[in-house]
PDB file of all heavy atoms in Angstrom:
ATOM      1  N   VAL A   1     223.241 152.246 372.916  1.00  0.00           N
ATOM      2  CA  VAL A   1     222.370 152.166 371.754  1.00  0.00           C
ATOM      3  C   VAL A   1     222.860 153.155 370.717  1.00  0.00           C
ATOM      4  O   VAL A   1     222.817 154.355 370.916  1.00  0.00           O
ATOM      5  CB  VAL A   1     220.912 152.517 372.148  1.00  0.00           C
ATOM      6  CG1 VAL A   1     220.020 152.469 370.913  1.00  0.00           C
ATOM      7  CG2 VAL A   1     220.422 151.526 373.198  1.00  0.00           C
ATOM      8  N   GLY A   2     223.373 152.618 369.624  1.00  0.00           N
ATOM      9  CA  GLY A   2     223.991 153.431 368.571  1.00  0.00           C
ATOM     10  C   GLY A   2     225.377 152.926 368.307  1.00  0.00           C
ATOM     11  O   GLY A   2     226.265 153.070 369.136  1.00  0.00           O
ATOM     12  N   ALA A   3     225.561 152.344 367.100  1.00  0.00           N
ATOM     13  CA  ALA A   3     226.863 151.749 366.795  1.00  0.00           C
ATOM     14  C   ALA A   3     227.728 152.680 365.935  1.00  0.00           C
ATOM     15  O   ALA A   3     228.754 152.280 365.427  1.00  0.00           O
ATOM     16  CB  ALA A   3     226.652 150.436 366.039  1.00  0.00           C
ATOM     17  N   GLY A   4     227.277 153.940 365.795  1.00  0.00           N
ATOM     18  CA  GLY A   4     228.046 154.896 365.021  1.00  0.00           C
ATOM     19  C   GLY A   4     229.188 155.498 365.810  1.00  0.00           C
ATOM     20  O   GLY A   4     229.534 155.027 366.898  1.00  0.00           O
ATOM     21  N   ARG A   5     229.762 156.550 365.266  1.00  0.00           N
ATOM     22  CA  ARG A   5     230.924 157.196 365.903  1.00  0.00           C
ATOM     23  C   ARG A   5     230.564 157.742 367.280  1.00  0.00           C
ATOM     24  O   ARG A   5     231.316 157.582 368.230  1.00  0.00           O
ATOM     25  CB  ARG A   5     231.425 158.323 365.008  1.00  0.00           C
ATOM     26  CG  ARG A   5     232.691 159.011 365.529  1.00  0.00           C
ATOM     27  CD  ARG A   5     233.243 160.011 364.527  1.00  0.00           C
ATOM     28  NE  ARG A   5     234.444 160.658 365.040  1.00  0.00           N
ATOM     29  CZ  ARG A   5     234.423 161.761 365.807  1.00  0.00           C
ATOM     30  NH1 ARG A   5     233.255 162.329 366.130  1.00  0.00           N
ATOM     31  NH2 ARG A   5     235.562 162.280 366.241  1.00  0.00           N
ATOM     32  N   ALA A   6     229.389 158.374 367.405  1.00  0.00           N
ATOM     33  CA  ALA A   6     228.986 158.930 368.677  1.00  0.00           C
ATOM     34  C   ALA A   6     228.828 157.860 369.749  1.00  0.00           C
ATOM     35  O   ALA A   6     229.239 158.033 370.891  1.00  0.00           O
ATOM     36  CB  ALA A   6     227.683 159.705 368.524  1.00  0.00           C
ATOM     37  N   GLY A   7     228.215 156.722 369.341  1.00  0.00           N
ATOM     38  CA  GLY A   7     228.047 155.628 370.293  1.00  0.00           C
ATOM     39  C   GLY A   7     229.345 155.052 370.760  1.00  0.00           C
ATOM     40  O   GLY A   7     229.545 154.751 371.938  1.00  0.00           O
ATOM     41  N   ARG A   8     230.288 154.906 369.808  1.00  0.00           N
ATOM     42  CA  ARG A   8     231.589 154.369 370.163  1.00  0.00           C
ATOM     43  C   ARG A   8     232.373 155.300 371.076  1.00  0.00           C
ATOM     44  O   ARG A   8     233.060 154.895 371.989  1.00  0.00           O
ATOM     45  CB  ARG A   8     232.391 154.050 368.899  1.00  0.00           C
ATOM     46  CG  ARG A   8     231.815 152.889 368.097  1.00  0.00           C
ATOM     47  CD  ARG A   8     232.616 152.674 366.810  1.00  0.00           C
ATOM     48  NE  ARG A   8     232.063 151.542 366.064  1.00  0.00           N
ATOM     49  CZ  ARG A   8     232.372 150.269 366.249  1.00  0.00           C
ATOM     50  NH1 ARG A   8     233.232 149.970 367.228  1.00  0.00           N
ATOM     51  NH2 ARG A   8     231.836 149.319 365.529  1.00  0.00           N
ATOM     52  N   LEU A   9     232.282 156.610 370.808  1.00  0.00           N
ATOM     53  CA  LEU A   9     232.948 157.579 371.654  1.00  0.00           C
ATOM     54  C   LEU A   9     232.403 157.547 373.080  1.00  0.00           C
ATOM     55  O   LEU A   9     233.163 157.671 374.037  1.00  0.00           O
ATOM     56  CB  LEU A   9     232.834 158.991 371.039  1.00  0.00           C
ATOM     57  CG  LEU A   9     233.646 159.250 369.776  1.00  0.00           C
ATOM     58  CD1 LEU A   9     233.334 160.648 369.228  1.00  0.00           C
ATOM     59  CD2 LEU A   9     235.124 159.113 370.026  1.00  0.00           C
ATOM     60  N   LEU A  10     231.074 157.416 373.187  1.00  0.00           N
ATOM     61  CA  LEU A  10     230.469 157.351 374.509  1.00  0.00           C
ATOM     62  C   LEU A  10     230.926 156.104 375.238  1.00  0.00           C
ATOM     63  O   LEU A  10     231.256 156.157 376.437  1.00  0.00           O
ATOM     64  CB  LEU A  10     228.942 157.343 374.394  1.00  0.00           C
ATOM     65  CG  LEU A  10     228.160 157.189 375.686  1.00  0.00           C
ATOM     66  CD1 LEU A  10     228.505 158.307 376.667  1.00  0.00           C
ATOM     67  CD2 LEU A  10     226.674 157.168 375.429  1.00  0.00           C
ATOM     68  N   ALA A  11     230.956 154.955 374.527  1.00  0.00           N
ATOM     69  CA  ALA A  11     231.399 153.707 375.157  1.00  0.00           C
ATOM     70  C   ALA A  11     232.843 153.809 375.623  1.00  0.00           C
ATOM     71  O   ALA A  11     233.203 153.353 376.710  1.00  0.00           O
ATOM     72  CB  ALA A  11     231.232 152.571 374.157  1.00  0.00           C
ATOM     73  N   GLU A  12     233.697 154.437 374.799  1.00  0.00           N
ATOM     74  CA  GLU A  12     235.112 154.598 375.165  1.00  0.00           C
ATOM     75  C   GLU A  12     235.258 155.519 376.376  1.00  0.00           C
ATOM     76  O   GLU A  12     236.112 155.304 377.236  1.00  0.00           O
ATOM     77  CB  GLU A  12     235.900 155.129 373.972  1.00  0.00           C
ATOM     78  CG  GLU A  12     236.023 154.117 372.816  1.00  0.00           C
ATOM     79  CD  GLU A  12     236.665 154.728 371.611  1.00  0.00           C
ATOM     80  OE1 GLU A  12     237.010 155.933 371.662  1.00  0.00           O
ATOM     81  OE2 GLU A  12     236.834 154.019 370.593  1.00  0.00           O
ATOM     82  N   ALA A  13     234.431 156.582 376.411  1.00  0.00           N
ATOM     83  CA  ALA A  13     234.500 157.530 377.532  1.00  0.00           C
ATOM     84  C   ALA A  13     234.141 156.882 378.844  1.00  0.00           C
ATOM     85  O   ALA A  13     234.767 157.090 379.879  1.00  0.00           O
ATOM     86  CB  ALA A  13     233.621 158.745 377.255  1.00  0.00           C
ATOM     87  N   ILE A  14     233.079 156.066 378.812  1.00  0.00           N
ATOM     88  CA  ILE A  14     232.639 155.391 380.051  1.00  0.00           C
ATOM     89  C   ILE A  14     233.647 154.359 380.506  1.00  0.00           C
ATOM     90  O   ILE A  14     233.880 154.166 381.704  1.00  0.00           O
ATOM     91  CB  ILE A  14     231.261 154.740 379.829  1.00  0.00           C
ATOM     92  CG1 ILE A  14     230.220 155.828 379.500  1.00  0.00           C
ATOM     93  CG2 ILE A  14     230.826 153.941 381.037  1.00  0.00           C
ATOM     94  CD1 ILE A  14     228.867 155.291 379.165  1.00  0.00           C
ATOM     95  N   ALA A  15     234.270 153.687 379.524  1.00  0.00           N
ATOM     96  CA  ALA A  15     235.232 152.623 379.853  1.00  0.00           C
ATOM     97  C   ALA A  15     236.632 153.155 380.155  1.00  0.00           C
ATOM     98  O   ALA A  15     237.508 152.373 380.549  1.00  0.00           O
ATOM     99  CB  ALA A  15     235.299 151.622 378.688  1.00  0.00           C
ATOM    100  N   GLN A  16     236.832 154.432 379.963  1.00  0.00           N
ATOM    101  CA  GLN A  16     238.164 155.016 380.144  1.00  0.00           C
ATOM    102  C   GLN A  16     238.675 154.790 381.560  1.00  0.00           C
ATOM    103  O   GLN A  16     237.950 154.896 382.520  1.00  0.00           O
ATOM    104  CB  GLN A  16     238.116 156.517 379.866  1.00  0.00           C
ATOM    105  CG  GLN A  16     239.477 157.214 379.987  1.00  0.00           C
ATOM    106  CD  GLN A  16     239.318 158.721 379.781  1.00  0.00           C
ATOM    107  OE1 GLN A  16     238.235 159.206 379.587  1.00  0.00           O
ATOM    108  NE2 GLN A  16     240.425 159.433 379.804  1.00  0.00           N
ATOM    109  N   LYS A  17     239.945 154.463 381.677  1.00  0.00           N
ATOM    110  CA  LYS A  17     240.545 154.237 382.972  1.00  0.00           C
ATOM    111  C   LYS A  17     240.788 155.560 383.669  1.00  0.00           C
ATOM    112  O   LYS A  17     240.714 156.629 383.089  1.00  0.00           O
ATOM    113  CB  LYS A  17     241.868 153.472 382.812  1.00  0.00           C
ATOM    114  CG  LYS A  17     241.712 152.096 382.163  1.00  0.00           C
ATOM    115  CD  LYS A  17     240.811 151.209 383.011  1.00  0.00           C
ATOM    116  CE  LYS A  17     240.678 149.826 382.409  1.00  0.00           C
ATOM    117  NZ  LYS A  17     239.799 148.943 383.183  1.00  0.00           N
ATOM    118  N   ARG A  18     241.163 155.463 384.931  1.00  0.00           N
ATOM    119  CA  ARG A  18     241.404 156.652 385.742  1.00  0.00           C
ATOM    120  C   ARG A  18     242.508 157.482 385.141  1.00  0.00           C
ATOM    121  O   ARG A  18     243.534 157.003 384.722  1.00  0.00           O
ATOM    122  CB  ARG A  18     241.758 156.272 387.182  1.00  0.00           C
ATOM    123  CG  ARG A  18     240.652 155.549 387.920  1.00  0.00           C
ATOM    124  CD  ARG A  18     241.049 155.394 389.396  1.00  0.00           C
ATOM    125  NE  ARG A  18     240.027 154.673 390.118  1.00  0.00           N
ATOM    126  CZ  ARG A  18     240.077 153.393 390.411  1.00  0.00           C
ATOM    127  NH1 ARG A  18     241.095 152.678 389.976  1.00  0.00           N
ATOM    128  NH2 ARG A  18     239.111 152.817 391.081  1.00  0.00           N
ATOM    129  N   THR A  19     242.315 158.793 385.194  1.00  0.00           N
ATOM    130  CA  THR A  19     243.356 159.732 384.764  1.00  0.00           C
ATOM    131  C   THR A  19     243.561 160.724 385.884  1.00  0.00           C
ATOM    132  O   THR A  19     242.878 160.715 386.897  1.00  0.00           O
ATOM    133  CB  THR A  19     242.912 160.482 383.469  1.00  0.00           C
ATOM    134  OG1 THR A  19     241.708 161.209 383.758  1.00  0.00           O
ATOM    135  CG2 THR A  19     242.672 159.494 382.344  1.00  0.00           C
ATOM    136  N   VAL A  20     244.487 161.618 385.684  1.00  0.00           N
ATOM    137  CA  VAL A  20     244.775 162.649 386.719  1.00  0.00           C
ATOM    138  C   VAL A  20     243.545 163.496 386.982  1.00  0.00           C
ATOM    139  O   VAL A  20     243.212 163.849 388.089  1.00  0.00           O
ATOM    140  CB  VAL A  20     245.964 163.509 386.286  1.00  0.00           C
ATOM    141  CG1 VAL A  20     246.183 164.624 387.302  1.00  0.00           C
ATOM    142  CG2 VAL A  20     247.230 162.655 386.146  1.00  0.00           C
ATOM    143  N   SER A  21     242.860 163.879 385.884  1.00  0.00           N
ATOM    144  CA  SER A  21     241.691 164.754 386.013  1.00  0.00           C
ATOM    145  C   SER A  21     240.444 163.972 386.419  1.00  0.00           C
ATOM    146  O   SER A  21     239.465 164.554 386.838  1.00  0.00           O
ATOM    147  CB  SER A  21     241.413 165.460 384.679  1.00  0.00           C
ATOM    148  OG  SER A  21     241.231 164.525 383.640  1.00  0.00           O
ATOM    149  N   GLY A  22     240.463 162.630 386.239  1.00  0.00           N
ATOM    150  CA  GLY A  22     239.330 161.827 386.642  1.00  0.00           C
ATOM    151  C   GLY A  22     238.364 161.638 385.481  1.00  0.00           C
ATOM    152  O   GLY A  22     238.244 162.467 384.603  1.00  0.00           O
ATOM    153  N   ASN A  23     237.693 160.520 385.480  1.00  0.00           N
ATOM    154  CA  ASN A  23     236.678 160.211 384.453  1.00  0.00           C
ATOM    155  C   ASN A  23     235.315 160.507 385.041  1.00  0.00           C
ATOM    156  O   ASN A  23     234.934 159.917 386.057  1.00  0.00           O
ATOM    157  CB  ASN A  23     236.789 158.733 384.102  1.00  0.00           C
ATOM    158  CG  ASN A  23     235.763 158.309 383.036  1.00  0.00           C
ATOM    159  OD1 ASN A  23     234.966 159.140 382.580  1.00  0.00           O
ATOM    160  ND2 ASN A  23     235.792 157.066 382.660  1.00  0.00           N
ATOM    161  N   PRO A  24     234.539 161.436 384.454  1.00  0.00           N
ATOM    162  CA  PRO A  24     233.238 161.792 385.026  1.00  0.00           C
ATOM    163  C   PRO A  24     232.247 160.652 385.072  1.00  0.00           C
ATOM    164  O   PRO A  24     231.251 160.727 385.793  1.00  0.00           O
ATOM    165  CB  PRO A  24     232.754 162.935 384.112  1.00  0.00           C
ATOM    166  CG  PRO A  24     233.494 162.717 382.833  1.00  0.00           C
ATOM    167  CD  PRO A  24     234.835 162.196 383.244  1.00  0.00           C
ATOM    168  N   TYR A  25     232.482 159.599 384.283  1.00  0.00           N
ATOM    169  CA  TYR A  25     231.580 158.452 384.291  1.00  0.00           C
ATOM    170  C   TYR A  25     232.019 157.382 385.278  1.00  0.00           C
ATOM    171  O   TYR A  25     231.275 156.426 385.545  1.00  0.00           O
ATOM    172  CB  TYR A  25     231.517 157.812 382.895  1.00  0.00           C
ATOM    173  CG  TYR A  25     230.959 158.756 381.842  1.00  0.00           C
ATOM    174  CD1 TYR A  25     231.815 159.380 380.966  1.00  0.00           C
ATOM    175  CD2 TYR A  25     229.597 158.998 381.759  1.00  0.00           C
ATOM    176  CE1 TYR A  25     231.345 160.260 379.996  1.00  0.00           C
ATOM    177  CE2 TYR A  25     229.102 159.869 380.793  1.00  0.00           C
ATOM    178  CZ  TYR A  25     229.960 160.485 379.915  1.00  0.00           C
ATOM    179  OH  TYR A  25     229.469 161.340 378.977  1.00  0.00           O
ATOM    180  N   GLU A  26     233.223 157.527 385.835  1.00  0.00           N
ATOM    181  CA  GLU A  26     233.747 156.535 386.747  1.00  0.00           C
ATOM    182  C   GLU A  26     232.965 156.546 388.037  1.00  0.00           C
ATOM    183  O   GLU A  26     232.561 157.582 388.536  1.00  0.00           O
ATOM    184  CB  GLU A  26     235.219 156.826 387.016  1.00  0.00           C
ATOM    185  CG  GLU A  26     235.922 155.736 387.797  1.00  0.00           C
ATOM    186  CD  GLU A  26     237.390 156.065 388.008  1.00  0.00           C
ATOM    187  OE1 GLU A  26     237.787 157.175 387.697  1.00  0.00           O
ATOM    188  OE2 GLU A  26     238.108 155.170 388.506  1.00  0.00           O
ATOM    189  N   GLY A  27     232.749 155.351 388.577  1.00  0.00           N
ATOM    190  CA  GLY A  27     232.043 155.266 389.857  1.00  0.00           C
ATOM    191  C   GLY A  27     230.540 155.150 389.710  1.00  0.00           C
ATOM    192  O   GLY A  27     229.827 155.025 390.720  1.00  0.00           O
ATOM    193  N   THR A  28     230.019 155.197 388.480  1.00  0.00           N
ATOM    194  CA  THR A  28     228.566 155.117 388.292  1.00  0.00           C
ATOM    195  C   THR A  28     228.079 153.672 388.364  1.00  0.00           C
ATOM    196  O   THR A  28     226.894 153.431 388.479  1.00  0.00           O
ATOM    197  CB  THR A  28     228.171 155.688 386.929  1.00  0.00           C
ATOM    198  OG1 THR A  28     228.891 155.010 385.877  1.00  0.00           O
ATOM    199  CG2 THR A  28     228.524 157.168 386.852  1.00  0.00           C
ATOM    200  N   GLY A  29     229.017 152.704 388.252  1.00  0.00           N
ATOM    201  CA  GLY A  29     228.622 151.303 388.389  1.00  0.00           C
ATOM    202  C   GLY A  29     228.292 150.624 387.096  1.00  0.00           C
ATOM    203  O   GLY A  29     227.810 149.491 387.103  1.00  0.00           O
ATOM    204  N   TYR A  30     228.545 151.278 385.969  1.00  0.00           N
ATOM    205  CA  TYR A  30     228.241 150.684 384.678  1.00  0.00           C
ATOM    206  C   TYR A  30     229.489 150.175 383.993  1.00  0.00           C
ATOM    207  O   TYR A  30     230.534 150.834 384.026  1.00  0.00           O
ATOM    208  CB  TYR A  30     227.544 151.713 383.771  1.00  0.00           C
ATOM    209  CG  TYR A  30     226.131 152.011 384.143  1.00  0.00           C
ATOM    210  CD1 TYR A  30     225.820 153.182 384.855  1.00  0.00           C
ATOM    211  CD2 TYR A  30     225.103 151.134 383.834  1.00  0.00           C
ATOM    212  CE1 TYR A  30     224.494 153.442 385.226  1.00  0.00           C
ATOM    213  CE2 TYR A  30     223.802 151.411 384.202  1.00  0.00           C
ATOM    214  CZ  TYR A  30     223.488 152.549 384.879  1.00  0.00           C
ATOM    215  OH  TYR A  30     222.208 152.820 385.234  1.00  0.00           O
ATOM    216  N   GLU A  31     229.374 149.010 383.393  1.00  0.00           N
ATOM    217  CA  GLU A  31     230.438 148.398 382.585  1.00  0.00           C
ATOM    218  C   GLU A  31     229.895 148.229 381.176  1.00  0.00           C
ATOM    219  O   GLU A  31     228.972 147.416 380.955  1.00  0.00           O
ATOM    220  CB  GLU A  31     230.889 147.061 383.176  1.00  0.00           C
ATOM    221  CG  GLU A  31     231.936 146.373 382.349  1.00  0.00           C
ATOM    222  CD  GLU A  31     232.219 144.969 382.843  1.00  0.00           C
ATOM    223  OE1 GLU A  31     231.763 144.638 383.976  1.00  0.00           O
ATOM    224  OE2 GLU A  31     232.822 144.187 382.110  1.00  0.00           O
ATOM    225  N   VAL A  32     230.436 148.952 380.238  1.00  0.00           N
ATOM    226  CA  VAL A  32     229.906 148.893 378.859  1.00  0.00           C
ATOM    227  C   VAL A  32     230.372 147.621 378.170  1.00  0.00           C
ATOM    228  O   VAL A  32     231.570 147.345 378.086  1.00  0.00           O
ATOM    229  CB  VAL A  32     230.346 150.127 378.059  1.00  0.00           C
ATOM    230  CG1 VAL A  32     229.859 150.035 376.629  1.00  0.00           C
ATOM    231  CG2 VAL A  32     229.791 151.382 378.714  1.00  0.00           C
ATOM    232  N   GLY A  33     229.402 146.854 377.642  1.00  0.00           N
ATOM    233  CA  GLY A  33     229.731 145.634 376.936  1.00  0.00           C
ATOM    234  C   GLY A  33     229.920 145.863 375.463  1.00  0.00           C
ATOM    235  O   GLY A  33     230.602 145.083 374.787  1.00  0.00           O
ATOM    236  N   GLY A  34     229.361 146.922 374.902  1.00  0.00           N
ATOM    237  CA  GLY A  34     229.534 147.207 373.477  1.00  0.00           C
ATOM    238  C   GLY A  34     228.450 148.130 372.980  1.00  0.00           C
ATOM    239  O   GLY A  34     227.694 148.741 373.743  1.00  0.00           O
ATOM    240  N   CYS A  35     228.373 148.273 371.649  1.00  0.00           N
ATOM    241  CA  CYS A  35     227.410 149.140 370.994  1.00  0.00           C
ATOM    242  C   CYS A  35     226.444 148.297 370.148  1.00  0.00           C
ATOM    243  O   CYS A  35     226.848 147.261 369.629  1.00  0.00           O
ATOM    244  CB  CYS A  35     228.096 150.158 370.107  1.00  0.00           C
ATOM    245  SG  CYS A  35     229.349 151.156 370.947  1.00  0.00           S
ATOM    246  N   ILE A  36     225.246 148.759 369.999  1.00  0.00           N
ATOM    247  CA  ILE A  36     224.270 148.044 369.194  1.00  0.00           C
ATOM    248  C   ILE A  36     223.435 149.065 368.412  1.00  0.00           C
ATOM    249  O   ILE A  36     223.135 150.154 368.928  1.00  0.00           O
ATOM    250  CB  ILE A  36     223.360 147.154 370.065  1.00  0.00           C
ATOM    251  CG1 ILE A  36     222.464 146.278 369.176  1.00  0.00           C
ATOM    252  CG2 ILE A  36     222.517 147.986 371.023  1.00  0.00           C
ATOM    253  CD1 ILE A  36     221.709 145.230 369.971  1.00  0.00           C
ATOM    254  N   GLY A  37     223.135 148.779 367.149  1.00  0.00           N
ATOM    255  CA  GLY A  37     222.359 149.696 366.331  1.00  0.00           C
ATOM    256  C   GLY A  37     221.624 148.922 365.237  1.00  0.00           C
ATOM    257  O   GLY A  37     221.798 147.703 365.056  1.00  0.00           O
ATOM    258  N   ASP A  38     220.765 149.650 364.484  1.00  0.00           N
ATOM    259  CA  ASP A  38     219.973 148.991 363.453  1.00  0.00           C
ATOM    260  C   ASP A  38     220.514 149.259 362.037  1.00  0.00           C
ATOM    261  O   ASP A  38     219.917 148.825 361.055  1.00  0.00           O
ATOM    262  CB  ASP A  38     218.516 149.467 363.529  1.00  0.00           C
ATOM    263  CG  ASP A  38     218.387 150.984 363.423  1.00  0.00           C
ATOM    264  OD1 ASP A  38     219.441 151.644 363.267  1.00  0.00           O
ATOM    265  OD2 ASP A  38     217.265 151.477 363.486  1.00  0.00           O
ATOM    266  N   ASP A  39     221.627 149.973 361.957  1.00  0.00           N
ATOM    267  CA  ASP A  39     222.239 150.227 360.659  1.00  0.00           C
ATOM    268  C   ASP A  39     223.150 149.063 360.318  1.00  0.00           C
ATOM    269  O   ASP A  39     224.111 148.761 361.030  1.00  0.00           O
ATOM    270  CB  ASP A  39     223.042 151.546 360.718  1.00  0.00           C
ATOM    271  CG  ASP A  39     223.499 151.995 359.323  1.00  0.00           C
ATOM    272  OD1 ASP A  39     223.626 151.102 358.422  1.00  0.00           O
ATOM    273  OD2 ASP A  39     223.691 153.202 359.127  1.00  0.00           O
ATOM    274  N   VAL A  40     222.863 148.396 359.190  1.00  0.00           N
ATOM    275  CA  VAL A  40     223.629 147.204 358.806  1.00  0.00           C
ATOM    276  C   VAL A  40     225.118 147.524 358.659  1.00  0.00           C
ATOM    277  O   VAL A  40     225.986 146.722 358.958  1.00  0.00           O
ATOM    278  CB  VAL A  40     223.074 146.636 357.469  1.00  0.00           C
ATOM    279  CG1 VAL A  40     223.906 145.427 357.029  1.00  0.00           C
ATOM    280  CG2 VAL A  40     221.611 146.262 357.644  1.00  0.00           C
ATOM    281  N   LYS A  41     225.438 148.734 358.169  1.00  0.00           N
ATOM    282  CA  LYS A  41     226.824 149.090 357.934  1.00  0.00           C
ATOM    283  C   LYS A  41     227.586 149.322 359.248  1.00  0.00           C
ATOM    284  O   LYS A  41     228.794 149.400 359.239  1.00  0.00           O
ATOM    285  CB  LYS A  41     226.904 150.360 357.083  1.00  0.00           C
ATOM    286  CG  LYS A  41     226.309 150.167 355.670  1.00  0.00           C
ATOM    287  CD  LYS A  41     226.434 151.457 354.892  1.00  0.00           C
ATOM    288  CE  LYS A  41     225.852 151.287 353.495  1.00  0.00           C
ATOM    289  NZ  LYS A  41     225.944 152.546 352.690  1.00  0.00           N
TER     290      LYS A  41
END
C-alpha cells in the first residue's frame, strides 16, 4: 500500500533475490505483486 518511492523500495526489498548477506524478508512466504495508492500521479 503506497505507490510512492517508499512503497517501491519496500516491494523491491521483499522481492530481492538471495545475496551473500541474505534478504531479511526472504522466507516469510510473501510474493509482492505490485504497489497501489490513491495518488493519481
